[in-house]
N, C-alpha and C. Protein backbone atom coordinates (compact mmCIF):
# COMPACT_ATOMS: atom_id res chain seq x y z
N UNK A 1 0.85 -1.20 0.01
CA UNK A 1 -0.01 0.02 0.00
C UNK A 1 0.88 1.20 0.03
N UNK A 2 0.64 2.14 -0.99
CA UNK A 2 1.47 3.35 -1.10
C UNK A 2 0.80 4.57 -0.53
N UNK A 3 -0.40 4.42 0.13
CA UNK A 3 -1.01 5.60 0.75
C UNK A 3 -0.75 5.52 2.25
N UNK A 4 -0.83 6.70 2.90
CA UNK A 4 -0.52 6.79 4.31
C UNK A 4 -1.63 7.59 4.97
N UNK A 5 -1.82 7.45 6.25
CA UNK A 5 -2.85 8.17 7.01
C UNK A 5 -2.38 9.55 7.37
N UNK A 6 -3.24 10.55 7.10
CA UNK A 6 -2.92 11.91 7.49
C UNK A 6 -3.68 12.25 8.81
N UNK A 7 -2.89 12.69 9.77
CA UNK A 7 -3.46 13.03 11.06
C UNK A 7 -3.02 14.44 11.48
N UNK A 8 -3.61 14.98 12.52
CA UNK A 8 -3.16 16.26 13.04
C UNK A 8 -1.71 16.15 13.42
N UNK A 9 -1.27 15.01 13.92
CA UNK A 9 0.12 14.86 14.42
C UNK A 9 1.17 14.91 13.27
N UNK A 10 0.76 14.42 12.10
CA UNK A 10 1.79 14.37 11.00
C UNK A 10 1.49 15.35 9.83
N UNK A 11 0.45 16.16 9.95
CA UNK A 11 0.09 17.09 8.90
C UNK A 11 1.24 18.01 8.52
N UNK A 12 1.77 18.75 9.48
CA UNK A 12 2.81 19.73 9.20
C UNK A 12 4.08 19.09 8.63
N UNK A 13 4.51 17.98 9.26
CA UNK A 13 5.72 17.35 8.74
C UNK A 13 5.55 16.75 7.38
N UNK A 14 4.33 16.25 7.14
CA UNK A 14 4.04 15.65 5.80
C UNK A 14 4.19 16.69 4.69
N UNK A 15 3.59 17.87 4.92
CA UNK A 15 3.65 18.97 3.93
C UNK A 15 5.01 19.53 3.80
N UNK A 16 5.69 19.72 4.95
CA UNK A 16 7.02 20.38 4.92
C UNK A 16 8.13 19.47 4.40
N UNK A 17 7.98 18.17 4.66
CA UNK A 17 9.10 17.26 4.30
C UNK A 17 8.91 16.52 2.96
N UNK A 18 7.90 16.87 2.21
CA UNK A 18 7.72 16.23 0.91
C UNK A 18 7.54 17.28 -0.19
N UNK A 19 8.12 17.07 -1.34
CA UNK A 19 8.02 18.01 -2.45
C UNK A 19 6.57 18.11 -2.92
N UNK A 20 5.88 16.96 -3.02
CA UNK A 20 4.49 16.98 -3.50
C UNK A 20 3.66 16.03 -2.65
N UNK A 21 2.54 16.50 -2.23
CA UNK A 21 1.62 15.73 -1.34
C UNK A 21 0.23 15.86 -1.90
N UNK A 22 -0.46 14.70 -2.02
CA UNK A 22 -1.85 14.72 -2.44
C UNK A 22 -2.65 14.13 -1.30
N UNK A 23 -3.76 14.75 -0.97
CA UNK A 23 -4.58 14.28 0.17
C UNK A 23 -5.99 13.94 -0.31
N UNK A 24 -6.43 12.76 0.12
CA UNK A 24 -7.85 12.36 -0.12
C UNK A 24 -8.58 12.51 1.21
N UNK A 25 -9.49 13.46 1.30
CA UNK A 25 -10.35 13.63 2.48
C UNK A 25 -11.56 12.76 2.24
N UNK A 26 -11.79 11.84 3.13
CA UNK A 26 -12.90 10.84 2.96
C UNK A 26 -13.50 10.45 4.26
N UNK A 27 -14.52 9.60 4.20
CA UNK A 27 -15.18 9.03 5.37
C UNK A 27 -15.66 7.61 5.02
N UNK A 28 -15.67 6.75 6.00
CA UNK A 28 -16.06 5.35 5.74
C UNK A 28 -17.46 5.17 5.24
N UNK A 29 -18.39 6.04 5.51
CA UNK A 29 -19.83 5.93 5.14
C UNK A 29 -20.10 6.51 3.77
N UNK A 30 -19.10 7.17 3.17
CA UNK A 30 -19.32 7.97 1.93
C UNK A 30 -19.16 7.07 0.67
N UNK A 31 -20.32 6.88 -0.05
CA UNK A 31 -20.26 6.03 -1.20
C UNK A 31 -19.31 6.54 -2.30
N UNK A 32 -19.31 7.86 -2.64
CA UNK A 32 -18.35 8.33 -3.64
C UNK A 32 -16.93 8.15 -3.21
N UNK A 33 -16.67 8.24 -1.86
CA UNK A 33 -15.31 8.05 -1.33
C UNK A 33 -14.89 6.59 -1.59
N UNK A 34 -15.79 5.67 -1.42
CA UNK A 34 -15.54 4.27 -1.67
C UNK A 34 -15.21 3.98 -3.14
N UNK A 35 -15.84 4.75 -4.01
CA UNK A 35 -15.55 4.66 -5.47
C UNK A 35 -14.19 5.25 -5.80
N UNK A 36 -13.82 6.35 -5.15
CA UNK A 36 -12.61 7.06 -5.45
C UNK A 36 -11.40 6.37 -4.81
N UNK A 37 -11.62 5.73 -3.67
CA UNK A 37 -10.46 5.10 -2.97
C UNK A 37 -9.59 4.26 -3.80
N UNK A 38 -10.12 3.30 -4.61
CA UNK A 38 -9.25 2.45 -5.42
C UNK A 38 -8.53 3.23 -6.54
N UNK A 39 -9.16 4.24 -7.06
CA UNK A 39 -8.48 5.14 -8.07
C UNK A 39 -7.28 5.81 -7.40
N UNK A 40 -7.47 6.34 -6.23
CA UNK A 40 -6.40 7.06 -5.48
C UNK A 40 -5.29 6.07 -5.13
N UNK A 41 -5.63 4.89 -4.67
CA UNK A 41 -4.65 3.83 -4.34
C UNK A 41 -3.83 3.42 -5.54
N UNK A 42 -4.51 3.23 -6.69
CA UNK A 42 -3.81 2.83 -7.94
C UNK A 42 -2.84 3.91 -8.40
N UNK A 43 -3.30 5.17 -8.27
CA UNK A 43 -2.43 6.26 -8.67
C UNK A 43 -1.17 6.37 -7.78
N UNK A 44 -1.36 6.00 -6.50
CA UNK A 44 -0.21 6.06 -5.56
C UNK A 44 0.92 5.11 -5.99
N UNK A 45 0.57 4.03 -6.71
CA UNK A 45 1.57 3.08 -7.16
C UNK A 45 2.30 3.65 -8.37
N UNK A 46 1.64 4.47 -9.09
CA UNK A 46 2.20 5.02 -10.35
C UNK A 46 3.17 6.23 -10.09
N UNK A 47 2.97 6.93 -8.99
CA UNK A 47 3.71 8.13 -8.69
C UNK A 47 4.45 8.01 -7.35
N UNK A 48 5.56 7.23 -7.34
CA UNK A 48 6.30 6.99 -6.11
C UNK A 48 6.94 8.24 -5.56
N UNK A 49 7.06 9.27 -6.38
CA UNK A 49 7.67 10.49 -5.89
C UNK A 49 6.68 11.45 -5.25
N UNK A 50 5.41 11.10 -5.24
CA UNK A 50 4.36 11.89 -4.60
C UNK A 50 3.91 11.17 -3.35
N UNK A 51 3.73 11.95 -2.28
CA UNK A 51 3.27 11.38 -1.01
C UNK A 51 1.71 11.39 -1.01
N UNK A 52 1.13 10.17 -1.05
CA UNK A 52 -0.31 10.03 -1.09
C UNK A 52 -0.84 9.82 0.30
N UNK A 53 -1.71 10.73 0.74
CA UNK A 53 -2.19 10.70 2.15
C UNK A 53 -3.74 10.65 2.12
N UNK A 54 -4.31 9.83 3.03
CA UNK A 54 -5.74 9.78 3.18
C UNK A 54 -6.11 10.32 4.56
N UNK A 55 -7.07 11.17 4.62
CA UNK A 55 -7.51 11.80 5.85
C UNK A 55 -8.99 11.43 6.12
N UNK A 56 -9.21 10.60 7.13
CA UNK A 56 -10.52 10.17 7.48
C UNK A 56 -11.12 11.37 8.27
N UNK A 57 -12.14 12.02 7.63
CA UNK A 57 -12.72 13.23 8.21
C UNK A 57 -13.53 12.97 9.47
N UNK A 58 -13.96 11.73 9.67
CA UNK A 58 -14.70 11.34 10.90
C UNK A 58 -13.72 11.36 12.08
N UNK A 59 -12.49 10.87 11.87
CA UNK A 59 -11.50 10.77 12.93
C UNK A 59 -10.73 12.06 13.11
N UNK A 60 -10.40 12.65 12.00
CA UNK A 60 -9.52 13.87 11.97
C UNK A 60 -10.38 15.10 11.68
N UNK A 61 -11.37 15.37 12.50
CA UNK A 61 -12.25 16.49 12.28
C UNK A 61 -11.49 17.82 12.32
N UNK A 62 -10.51 17.93 13.19
CA UNK A 62 -9.70 19.17 13.30
C UNK A 62 -8.97 19.46 12.01
N UNK A 63 -8.37 18.41 11.42
CA UNK A 63 -7.66 18.61 10.16
C UNK A 63 -8.64 18.95 9.04
N UNK A 64 -9.76 18.25 8.92
CA UNK A 64 -10.75 18.54 7.93
C UNK A 64 -11.25 19.99 8.11
N UNK A 65 -11.47 20.39 9.33
CA UNK A 65 -11.95 21.75 9.57
C UNK A 65 -10.91 22.78 9.18
N UNK A 66 -9.64 22.52 9.42
CA UNK A 66 -8.62 23.49 9.03
C UNK A 66 -8.55 23.72 7.54
N UNK A 67 -8.99 22.69 6.75
CA UNK A 67 -9.02 22.84 5.31
C UNK A 67 -10.36 23.29 4.80
N UNK A 68 -11.29 23.49 5.70
CA UNK A 68 -12.65 23.91 5.28
C UNK A 68 -13.39 22.85 4.49
N UNK A 69 -13.16 21.60 4.78
CA UNK A 69 -13.84 20.55 4.03
C UNK A 69 -15.31 20.50 4.31
N UNK A 70 -16.13 20.67 3.29
CA UNK A 70 -17.58 20.64 3.43
C UNK A 70 -18.20 19.47 2.66
N UNK A 71 -17.45 18.96 1.68
CA UNK A 71 -17.94 17.84 0.87
C UNK A 71 -16.84 16.83 0.77
N UNK A 72 -17.21 15.57 0.77
CA UNK A 72 -16.24 14.52 0.56
C UNK A 72 -16.71 13.58 -0.57
N UNK A 73 -15.78 13.00 -1.26
CA UNK A 73 -14.35 13.19 -1.13
C UNK A 73 -13.92 14.55 -1.65
N UNK A 74 -12.85 15.05 -1.06
CA UNK A 74 -12.17 16.25 -1.56
C UNK A 74 -10.69 15.89 -1.75
N UNK A 75 -10.14 16.34 -2.90
CA UNK A 75 -8.70 16.08 -3.17
C UNK A 75 -7.97 17.44 -3.07
N UNK A 76 -6.84 17.40 -2.36
CA UNK A 76 -5.99 18.56 -2.20
C UNK A 76 -4.56 18.19 -2.64
N UNK A 77 -3.90 19.09 -3.30
CA UNK A 77 -2.52 18.82 -3.75
C UNK A 77 -1.62 19.97 -3.33
N UNK A 78 -0.54 19.66 -2.65
CA UNK A 78 0.46 20.59 -2.28
C UNK A 78 1.76 20.30 -3.11
N UNK A 79 2.45 21.37 -3.53
CA UNK A 79 3.78 21.19 -4.09
C UNK A 79 4.67 22.26 -3.43
N UNK A 80 5.80 21.81 -2.92
CA UNK A 80 6.69 22.75 -2.22
C UNK A 80 5.97 23.59 -1.20
N UNK A 81 5.14 23.00 -0.39
CA UNK A 81 4.37 23.59 0.69
C UNK A 81 3.25 24.54 0.24
N UNK A 82 3.01 24.65 -1.04
CA UNK A 82 1.96 25.54 -1.55
C UNK A 82 0.76 24.68 -1.94
N UNK A 83 -0.44 25.06 -1.43
CA UNK A 83 -1.65 24.39 -1.84
C UNK A 83 -2.05 24.88 -3.23
N UNK A 84 -1.98 23.99 -4.25
CA UNK A 84 -2.20 24.34 -5.61
C UNK A 84 -3.53 23.86 -6.20
N UNK A 85 -4.13 22.89 -5.53
CA UNK A 85 -5.33 22.31 -6.07
C UNK A 85 -6.19 21.83 -4.90
N UNK A 86 -7.45 22.10 -4.95
CA UNK A 86 -8.40 21.51 -3.95
C UNK A 86 -9.78 21.48 -4.59
N UNK A 87 -10.35 20.27 -4.72
CA UNK A 87 -11.58 20.16 -5.35
C UNK A 87 -12.41 19.05 -4.77
N UNK A 88 -13.69 19.33 -4.44
CA UNK A 88 -14.55 18.26 -3.92
C UNK A 88 -15.04 17.37 -5.09
N UNK A 89 -15.44 16.20 -4.76
CA UNK A 89 -15.97 15.26 -5.75
C UNK A 89 -14.99 14.14 -6.09
N UNK A 90 -15.47 13.05 -6.45
CA UNK A 90 -14.59 11.90 -6.83
C UNK A 90 -14.04 12.15 -8.26
N UNK A 91 -12.75 12.30 -8.37
CA UNK A 91 -12.16 12.49 -9.65
C UNK A 91 -12.11 11.17 -10.42
N UNK A 92 -12.43 11.21 -11.72
CA UNK A 92 -12.17 10.03 -12.55
C UNK A 92 -10.68 9.81 -12.65
N UNK A 93 -10.27 8.54 -12.95
CA UNK A 93 -8.87 8.19 -12.96
C UNK A 93 -8.11 9.13 -13.90
N UNK A 94 -8.62 9.35 -15.16
CA UNK A 94 -7.87 10.18 -16.11
C UNK A 94 -7.73 11.65 -15.60
N UNK A 95 -8.74 12.15 -14.90
CA UNK A 95 -8.64 13.52 -14.38
C UNK A 95 -7.61 13.60 -13.26
N UNK A 96 -7.56 12.56 -12.44
CA UNK A 96 -6.54 12.54 -11.33
C UNK A 96 -5.12 12.58 -11.95
N UNK A 97 -4.90 11.72 -12.94
CA UNK A 97 -3.59 11.70 -13.62
C UNK A 97 -3.31 13.06 -14.28
N UNK A 98 -4.31 13.66 -14.89
CA UNK A 98 -4.16 14.93 -15.58
C UNK A 98 -3.72 16.01 -14.60
N UNK A 99 -4.46 16.10 -13.48
CA UNK A 99 -4.14 17.16 -12.51
C UNK A 99 -2.77 16.96 -11.89
N UNK A 100 -2.41 15.71 -11.60
CA UNK A 100 -1.05 15.44 -11.10
C UNK A 100 -0.01 15.90 -12.05
N UNK A 101 -0.21 15.57 -13.36
CA UNK A 101 0.74 16.00 -14.38
C UNK A 101 0.86 17.50 -14.44
N UNK A 102 -0.28 18.18 -14.40
CA UNK A 102 -0.24 19.65 -14.43
C UNK A 102 0.50 20.23 -13.26
N UNK A 103 0.27 19.72 -12.07
CA UNK A 103 0.97 20.23 -10.88
C UNK A 103 2.49 19.96 -10.93
N UNK A 104 2.81 18.77 -11.45
CA UNK A 104 4.27 18.44 -11.58
C UNK A 104 4.92 19.35 -12.60
N UNK A 105 4.22 19.76 -13.61
CA UNK A 105 4.80 20.58 -14.68
C UNK A 105 4.93 22.07 -14.34
N UNK A 106 4.33 22.48 -13.29
CA UNK A 106 4.36 23.92 -12.87
C UNK A 106 5.78 24.41 -12.63
N UNK A 107 6.07 25.62 -13.04
CA UNK A 107 7.30 26.33 -12.69
C UNK A 107 7.04 26.93 -11.31
N UNK A 108 7.64 26.30 -10.29
CA UNK A 108 7.36 26.75 -8.93
C UNK A 108 7.89 28.17 -8.63
N UNK A 109 8.98 28.52 -9.27
CA UNK A 109 9.47 29.92 -9.10
C UNK A 109 8.43 30.91 -9.56
N UNK A 110 7.77 30.64 -10.68
CA UNK A 110 6.75 31.48 -11.18
C UNK A 110 5.52 31.44 -10.27
N UNK A 111 5.20 30.33 -9.71
CA UNK A 111 4.07 30.21 -8.79
C UNK A 111 4.31 31.06 -7.56
N UNK A 112 5.53 30.90 -7.01
CA UNK A 112 5.89 31.69 -5.77
C UNK A 112 5.85 33.19 -6.08
N UNK A 113 6.32 33.56 -7.30
CA UNK A 113 6.27 35.00 -7.66
C UNK A 113 4.85 35.53 -7.70
N UNK A 114 3.95 34.75 -8.31
CA UNK A 114 2.55 35.14 -8.42
C UNK A 114 1.88 35.18 -7.00
N UNK A 115 2.21 34.25 -6.16
CA UNK A 115 1.68 34.23 -4.81
C UNK A 115 2.16 35.50 -4.06
N UNK A 116 3.40 35.87 -4.21
CA UNK A 116 3.99 37.07 -3.57
C UNK A 116 3.27 38.33 -4.07
N UNK A 117 3.03 38.39 -5.42
CA UNK A 117 2.32 39.58 -6.01
C UNK A 117 0.94 39.61 -5.43
N UNK A 118 0.26 38.51 -5.36
CA UNK A 118 -1.08 38.51 -4.87
C UNK A 118 -1.18 38.97 -3.38
N UNK A 119 -0.20 38.48 -2.62
CA UNK A 119 -0.16 38.86 -1.15
C UNK A 119 0.12 40.36 -1.05
N UNK A 120 0.94 40.89 -1.94
CA UNK A 120 1.32 42.29 -1.88
C UNK A 120 0.10 43.17 -2.22
N UNK A 121 -0.68 42.73 -3.18
CA UNK A 121 -1.89 43.48 -3.61
C UNK A 121 -2.94 43.45 -2.50
N UNK A 122 -2.98 42.41 -1.70
CA UNK A 122 -4.01 42.33 -0.64
C UNK A 122 -3.67 43.13 0.56
N UNK A 123 -2.47 43.69 0.67
CA UNK A 123 -2.09 44.44 1.85
C UNK A 123 -2.31 45.93 1.66
């Protein structure tokens, strides 16, 4: 199994210590989560350089709350500690691979420059 459990205890270190992290926010009673789970698991085998994390929103309510999770499943992707993608709904397999490819292809220097510009405008 190439997925790992995301908890309040390992959230910060997971994001800080890995170049790219994808999180599946789910719950055991959620039918769409059950459909998306195997897709997420299969993708984790294909991308060994990406840290695949599953967050059970029933158990880790504080973590889910800190992300503002209102619908599950929700997928979130971090690269170099920046949250670049967050979308509710079960992603089809092709869409998951597509979004992972897009995030991997980003020029992170350009992303950080745009984030800095946006933060400057907000002040």
